[in-house]
Amino acid sequence: MLNFLVLSSLITLGVCDPAVYFREDFADGDAWSSRWVQSEHSGKEFGKFGLSAGELFHDEAKDTGLKTLDNARFYGISTELTTPIESTEGKTLVVQFSVKHEQKIDCGGGLH
C-alpha cells in the first residue's frame, strides 16, 4: 500500500506545474508602494494602505502584509505579475491570498 501511495504521489508531481507567477512578502519596507498602484475613481472615497503584521502574529517580519488604514472607505490595489502568464488553456489557475479581519465590524462588500 505504501508503494502505491509513493508511486501515485510521484506521478501527480510529474503532471503538476507548480509555477509561481507572483509572490509578495513586503520584506523591503516601504518600497512596496513603488510596485503597487492604489485604485482611484471619481466620486469614491478610497482609503490608504500601509504595512502591518496585525495584532496577532507568529513572526512579525514574515507575517507583515497590507493593512487598510481608514474605516468606511473603498479599497483597490494592484501590481504587475513578476512572471507573465503565457497561457492557462487546459490548466487550472489558482489565485491564493490571506485576509485577517481584526476589526469587530460587519459591512457589506467585505470578505468574510
N, C-alpha and C. Protein backbone atom coordinates (compact mmCIF):
# COMPACT_ATOMS: atom_id res chain seq x y z
N MET A 1 0.83 -1.19 0.00
CA MET A 1 0.00 0.00 0.00
C MET A 1 0.87 1.26 0.00
N LEU A 2 1.93 1.25 0.79
CA LEU A 2 2.84 2.40 0.87
C LEU A 2 3.49 2.66 -0.49
N ASN A 3 3.89 1.59 -1.18
CA ASN A 3 4.49 1.74 -2.50
C ASN A 3 3.53 2.41 -3.48
N PHE A 4 2.24 2.03 -3.39
CA PHE A 4 1.23 2.63 -4.26
C PHE A 4 1.10 4.12 -4.00
N LEU A 5 1.08 4.52 -2.71
CA LEU A 5 0.96 5.93 -2.36
C LEU A 5 2.18 6.73 -2.84
N VAL A 6 3.35 6.17 -2.68
CA VAL A 6 4.57 6.85 -3.14
C VAL A 6 4.55 7.00 -4.65
N LEU A 7 4.20 5.94 -5.35
CA LEU A 7 4.16 5.98 -6.81
C LEU A 7 3.11 6.97 -7.31
N SER A 8 1.92 6.97 -6.72
CA SER A 8 0.87 7.89 -7.17
C SER A 8 1.26 9.34 -6.85
N SER A 9 1.97 9.57 -5.76
CA SER A 9 2.44 10.91 -5.44
C SER A 9 3.46 11.39 -6.46
N LEU A 10 4.37 10.52 -6.85
CA LEU A 10 5.38 10.89 -7.85
C LEU A 10 4.75 11.17 -9.20
N ILE A 11 3.76 10.40 -9.58
CA ILE A 11 3.06 10.63 -10.84
C ILE A 11 2.34 11.97 -10.80
N THR A 12 1.68 12.28 -9.68
CA THR A 12 0.98 13.55 -9.53
C THR A 12 1.96 14.71 -9.62
N LEU A 13 3.11 14.61 -8.98
CA LEU A 13 4.11 15.67 -9.04
C LEU A 13 4.62 15.88 -10.46
N GLY A 14 4.73 14.82 -11.21
CA GLY A 14 5.20 14.92 -12.59
C GLY A 14 4.20 15.61 -13.49
N VAL A 15 2.90 15.50 -13.18
CA VAL A 15 1.85 16.09 -14.00
C VAL A 15 1.61 17.56 -13.64
N CYS A 16 1.80 17.92 -12.38
CA CYS A 16 1.54 19.29 -11.92
C CYS A 16 2.67 20.23 -12.31
N ASP A 17 2.30 21.46 -12.60
CA ASP A 17 3.28 22.51 -12.86
C ASP A 17 3.07 23.61 -11.83
N PRO A 18 3.74 23.52 -10.69
CA PRO A 18 3.50 24.49 -9.62
C PRO A 18 4.27 25.80 -9.83
N ALA A 19 4.12 26.41 -10.99
CA ALA A 19 4.81 27.67 -11.27
C ALA A 19 4.23 28.77 -10.41
N VAL A 20 5.08 29.60 -9.86
CA VAL A 20 4.66 30.76 -9.07
C VAL A 20 4.85 31.99 -9.95
N TYR A 21 3.76 32.67 -10.27
CA TYR A 21 3.81 33.84 -11.14
C TYR A 21 3.98 35.13 -10.36
N PHE A 22 3.63 35.09 -9.09
CA PHE A 22 3.76 36.28 -8.26
C PHE A 22 3.82 35.89 -6.79
N ARG A 23 4.70 36.54 -6.06
CA ARG A 23 4.78 36.35 -4.62
C ARG A 23 5.24 37.68 -4.03
N GLU A 24 4.56 38.12 -2.99
CA GLU A 24 4.93 39.37 -2.33
C GLU A 24 5.01 39.11 -0.83
N ASP A 25 6.14 39.42 -0.24
CA ASP A 25 6.27 39.25 1.21
C ASP A 25 6.52 40.57 1.93
N PHE A 26 6.57 41.68 1.20
CA PHE A 26 6.72 43.01 1.78
C PHE A 26 7.93 43.13 2.70
N ALA A 27 9.00 42.41 2.36
CA ALA A 27 10.19 42.37 3.20
C ALA A 27 11.09 43.59 3.04
N ASP A 28 10.79 44.42 2.04
CA ASP A 28 11.66 45.58 1.80
C ASP A 28 11.09 46.89 2.31
N GLY A 29 10.28 46.82 3.35
CA GLY A 29 9.75 48.03 3.97
C GLY A 29 8.82 48.80 3.05
N ASP A 30 9.01 50.12 3.01
CA ASP A 30 8.11 50.98 2.24
C ASP A 30 8.31 50.92 0.73
N ALA A 31 9.26 50.14 0.25
CA ALA A 31 9.48 50.03 -1.20
C ALA A 31 8.27 49.41 -1.91
N TRP A 32 7.40 48.72 -1.19
CA TRP A 32 6.20 48.12 -1.80
C TRP A 32 5.37 49.18 -2.52
N SER A 33 5.35 50.40 -1.99
CA SER A 33 4.48 51.44 -2.56
C SER A 33 4.91 51.87 -3.96
N SER A 34 6.15 51.56 -4.35
CA SER A 34 6.57 51.88 -5.71
C SER A 34 6.15 50.78 -6.70
N ARG A 35 5.81 49.59 -6.20
CA ARG A 35 5.39 48.47 -7.05
C ARG A 35 3.87 48.37 -7.16
N TRP A 36 3.17 48.77 -6.15
CA TRP A 36 1.72 48.64 -6.08
C TRP A 36 1.04 49.96 -6.43
N VAL A 37 -0.08 49.89 -7.15
CA VAL A 37 -0.83 51.07 -7.56
C VAL A 37 -2.19 51.04 -6.87
N GLN A 38 -2.47 52.10 -6.10
CA GLN A 38 -3.77 52.19 -5.45
C GLN A 38 -4.80 52.73 -6.43
N SER A 39 -5.96 52.13 -6.44
CA SER A 39 -7.02 52.49 -7.39
C SER A 39 -7.59 53.87 -7.07
N GLU A 40 -8.06 54.51 -8.11
CA GLU A 40 -8.74 55.79 -7.99
C GLU A 40 -9.98 55.76 -8.87
N HIS A 41 -11.04 56.41 -8.41
CA HIS A 41 -12.26 56.50 -9.19
C HIS A 41 -12.99 57.75 -8.72
N SER A 42 -13.36 58.60 -9.65
CA SER A 42 -14.04 59.84 -9.25
C SER A 42 -15.35 59.52 -8.55
N GLY A 43 -15.62 60.27 -7.49
CA GLY A 43 -16.85 60.07 -6.73
C GLY A 43 -16.75 59.02 -5.64
N LYS A 44 -15.62 58.35 -5.51
CA LYS A 44 -15.43 57.33 -4.47
C LYS A 44 -14.34 57.77 -3.51
N GLU A 45 -14.54 57.52 -2.24
CA GLU A 45 -13.51 57.81 -1.24
C GLU A 45 -12.69 56.55 -1.00
N PHE A 46 -11.50 56.51 -1.58
CA PHE A 46 -10.63 55.35 -1.42
C PHE A 46 -9.75 55.55 -0.20
N GLY A 47 -9.61 54.50 0.60
CA GLY A 47 -8.73 54.53 1.75
C GLY A 47 -7.30 54.20 1.35
N LYS A 48 -6.41 54.43 2.25
CA LYS A 48 -4.98 54.17 2.02
C LYS A 48 -4.58 52.83 2.63
N PHE A 49 -3.50 52.27 2.10
CA PHE A 49 -2.92 51.03 2.60
C PHE A 49 -1.62 51.34 3.32
N GLY A 50 -1.28 50.50 4.28
CA GLY A 50 0.01 50.55 4.96
C GLY A 50 0.46 49.13 5.22
N LEU A 51 1.58 48.96 5.89
CA LEU A 51 2.09 47.63 6.24
C LEU A 51 1.89 47.35 7.71
N SER A 52 1.53 46.11 8.02
CA SER A 52 1.37 45.70 9.41
C SER A 52 1.35 44.17 9.48
N ALA A 53 1.82 43.65 10.60
CA ALA A 53 1.68 42.22 10.87
C ALA A 53 0.36 41.94 11.59
N GLY A 54 -0.33 43.01 11.99
CA GLY A 54 -1.58 42.86 12.71
C GLY A 54 -1.35 42.74 14.21
N GLU A 55 -2.44 42.54 14.92
CA GLU A 55 -2.37 42.43 16.37
C GLU A 55 -1.79 41.08 16.80
N LEU A 56 -2.16 40.03 16.09
CA LEU A 56 -1.69 38.68 16.43
C LEU A 56 -0.85 38.15 15.29
N PHE A 57 0.35 37.71 15.59
CA PHE A 57 1.24 37.17 14.56
C PHE A 57 2.24 36.22 15.21
N HIS A 58 2.82 35.37 14.39
CA HIS A 58 3.85 34.43 14.85
C HIS A 58 5.23 35.06 14.69
N ASP A 59 5.51 35.54 13.50
CA ASP A 59 6.80 36.17 13.18
C ASP A 59 6.47 37.49 12.49
N GLU A 60 6.74 38.61 13.14
CA GLU A 60 6.32 39.91 12.63
C GLU A 60 6.83 40.17 11.21
N ALA A 61 8.09 39.85 10.94
CA ALA A 61 8.65 40.10 9.62
C ALA A 61 7.97 39.24 8.56
N LYS A 62 7.74 37.97 8.85
CA LYS A 62 7.14 37.06 7.86
C LYS A 62 5.64 37.25 7.73
N ASP A 63 4.99 37.77 8.75
CA ASP A 63 3.54 37.93 8.74
C ASP A 63 3.08 39.33 8.32
N THR A 64 4.01 40.19 7.95
CA THR A 64 3.66 41.55 7.54
C THR A 64 3.01 41.55 6.17
N GLY A 65 1.96 42.33 6.04
CA GLY A 65 1.25 42.45 4.77
C GLY A 65 0.54 43.80 4.70
N LEU A 66 -0.29 43.96 3.67
CA LEU A 66 -1.03 45.21 3.52
C LEU A 66 -2.12 45.31 4.57
N LYS A 67 -2.33 46.53 5.05
CA LYS A 67 -3.39 46.80 6.02
C LYS A 67 -4.17 48.01 5.54
N THR A 68 -5.51 47.93 5.63
CA THR A 68 -6.33 49.09 5.32
C THR A 68 -6.25 50.04 6.51
N LEU A 69 -6.06 51.33 6.23
CA LEU A 69 -5.80 52.30 7.29
C LEU A 69 -7.01 53.15 7.67
N ASP A 70 -7.99 53.25 6.81
CA ASP A 70 -9.15 54.11 7.06
C ASP A 70 -10.42 53.28 7.14
N ASN A 71 -11.32 53.66 8.03
CA ASN A 71 -12.60 52.98 8.14
C ASN A 71 -13.58 53.51 7.11
N ALA A 72 -14.51 52.68 6.71
CA ALA A 72 -15.63 53.04 5.83
C ALA A 72 -15.16 53.68 4.53
N ARG A 73 -14.23 53.03 3.85
CA ARG A 73 -13.72 53.52 2.57
C ARG A 73 -13.73 52.38 1.56
N PHE A 74 -13.60 52.72 0.30
CA PHE A 74 -13.39 51.74 -0.76
C PHE A 74 -11.90 51.47 -0.83
N TYR A 75 -11.54 50.25 -1.21
CA TYR A 75 -10.13 49.89 -1.34
C TYR A 75 -9.92 49.13 -2.64
N GLY A 76 -8.84 49.44 -3.30
CA GLY A 76 -8.45 48.72 -4.50
C GLY A 76 -6.97 48.94 -4.73
N ILE A 77 -6.27 47.87 -5.04
CA ILE A 77 -4.83 47.96 -5.25
C ILE A 77 -4.40 46.86 -6.21
N SER A 78 -3.38 47.14 -7.01
CA SER A 78 -2.92 46.13 -7.96
C SER A 78 -1.42 46.28 -8.19
N THR A 79 -0.84 45.24 -8.76
CA THR A 79 0.57 45.26 -9.14
C THR A 79 0.76 44.29 -10.30
N GLU A 80 1.87 44.43 -10.99
CA GLU A 80 2.16 43.53 -12.11
C GLU A 80 2.67 42.19 -11.61
N LEU A 81 2.42 41.15 -12.39
CA LEU A 81 2.98 39.84 -12.09
C LEU A 81 4.49 39.88 -12.35
N THR A 82 5.26 39.18 -11.55
CA THR A 82 6.71 39.14 -11.76
C THR A 82 7.07 38.24 -12.93
N THR A 83 6.22 37.25 -13.21
CA THR A 83 6.40 36.35 -14.35
C THR A 83 5.11 36.36 -15.16
N PRO A 84 5.15 36.72 -16.43
CA PRO A 84 3.92 36.73 -17.24
C PRO A 84 3.32 35.33 -17.37
N ILE A 85 2.01 35.27 -17.43
CA ILE A 85 1.31 34.00 -17.65
C ILE A 85 1.15 33.82 -19.15
N GLU A 86 1.81 32.82 -19.67
CA GLU A 86 1.75 32.56 -21.12
C GLU A 86 0.35 32.14 -21.54
N SER A 87 -0.17 31.08 -20.96
CA SER A 87 -1.49 30.57 -21.30
C SER A 87 -1.97 29.66 -20.19
N THR A 88 -3.24 29.74 -19.89
CA THR A 88 -3.83 28.83 -18.90
C THR A 88 -4.81 27.87 -19.56
N GLU A 89 -4.80 27.83 -20.88
CA GLU A 89 -5.70 26.94 -21.60
C GLU A 89 -5.41 25.49 -21.23
N GLY A 90 -6.44 24.81 -20.75
CA GLY A 90 -6.30 23.40 -20.36
C GLY A 90 -5.65 23.23 -19.01
N LYS A 91 -5.42 24.33 -18.29
CA LYS A 91 -4.79 24.27 -16.97
C LYS A 91 -5.69 24.96 -15.95
N THR A 92 -5.45 24.66 -14.71
CA THR A 92 -6.16 25.33 -13.63
C THR A 92 -5.26 26.40 -13.05
N LEU A 93 -5.75 27.63 -12.97
CA LEU A 93 -5.01 28.73 -12.37
C LEU A 93 -5.53 28.95 -10.96
N VAL A 94 -4.67 28.89 -9.98
CA VAL A 94 -5.04 29.07 -8.59
C VAL A 94 -4.51 30.41 -8.11
N VAL A 95 -5.39 31.25 -7.59
CA VAL A 95 -5.01 32.53 -7.00
C VAL A 95 -5.25 32.40 -5.51
N GLN A 96 -4.22 32.63 -4.72
CA GLN A 96 -4.33 32.44 -3.27
C GLN A 96 -3.89 33.69 -2.54
N PHE A 97 -4.66 34.08 -1.55
CA PHE A 97 -4.29 35.19 -0.70
C PHE A 97 -4.90 34.98 0.68
N SER A 98 -4.39 35.69 1.65
CA SER A 98 -4.89 35.58 3.02
C SER A 98 -5.49 36.90 3.45
N VAL A 99 -6.55 36.83 4.24
CA VAL A 99 -7.20 38.01 4.79
C VAL A 99 -7.32 37.81 6.29
N LYS A 100 -6.96 38.83 7.04
CA LYS A 100 -7.07 38.78 8.50
C LYS A 100 -8.03 39.89 8.92
N HIS A 101 -9.21 39.54 9.43
CA HIS A 101 -10.19 40.52 9.90
C HIS A 101 -9.97 40.76 11.39
N GLU A 102 -9.51 41.95 11.74
CA GLU A 102 -9.25 42.26 13.15
C GLU A 102 -10.25 43.25 13.73
N GLN A 103 -10.93 44.00 12.88
CA GLN A 103 -11.92 44.93 13.37
C GLN A 103 -13.22 44.19 13.65
N LYS A 104 -13.93 44.62 14.65
CA LYS A 104 -15.19 43.98 15.03
C LYS A 104 -16.35 44.71 14.37
N ILE A 105 -16.33 44.80 13.02
CA ILE A 105 -17.41 45.45 12.29
C ILE A 105 -17.98 44.49 11.27
N ASP A 106 -19.18 44.76 10.85
CA ASP A 106 -19.82 43.97 9.81
C ASP A 106 -20.25 44.94 8.72
N CYS A 107 -19.72 44.72 7.53
CA CYS A 107 -20.07 45.64 6.45
C CYS A 107 -20.32 44.86 5.17
N GLY A 108 -21.15 45.41 4.32
CA GLY A 108 -21.39 44.80 3.02
C GLY A 108 -20.19 44.99 2.13
N GLY A 109 -19.78 43.95 1.42
CA GLY A 109 -18.67 44.08 0.49
C GLY A 109 -17.37 43.56 1.04
N GLY A 110 -17.27 43.36 2.34
CA GLY A 110 -16.04 42.82 2.91
C GLY A 110 -15.99 41.32 2.74
N LEU A 111 -14.80 40.76 2.67
CA LEU A 111 -14.66 39.31 2.60
C LEU A 111 -14.84 38.74 4.00
N HIS A 112 -15.73 37.79 4.14
CA HIS A 112 -15.97 37.19 5.47
C HIS A 112 -15.77 35.70 5.39
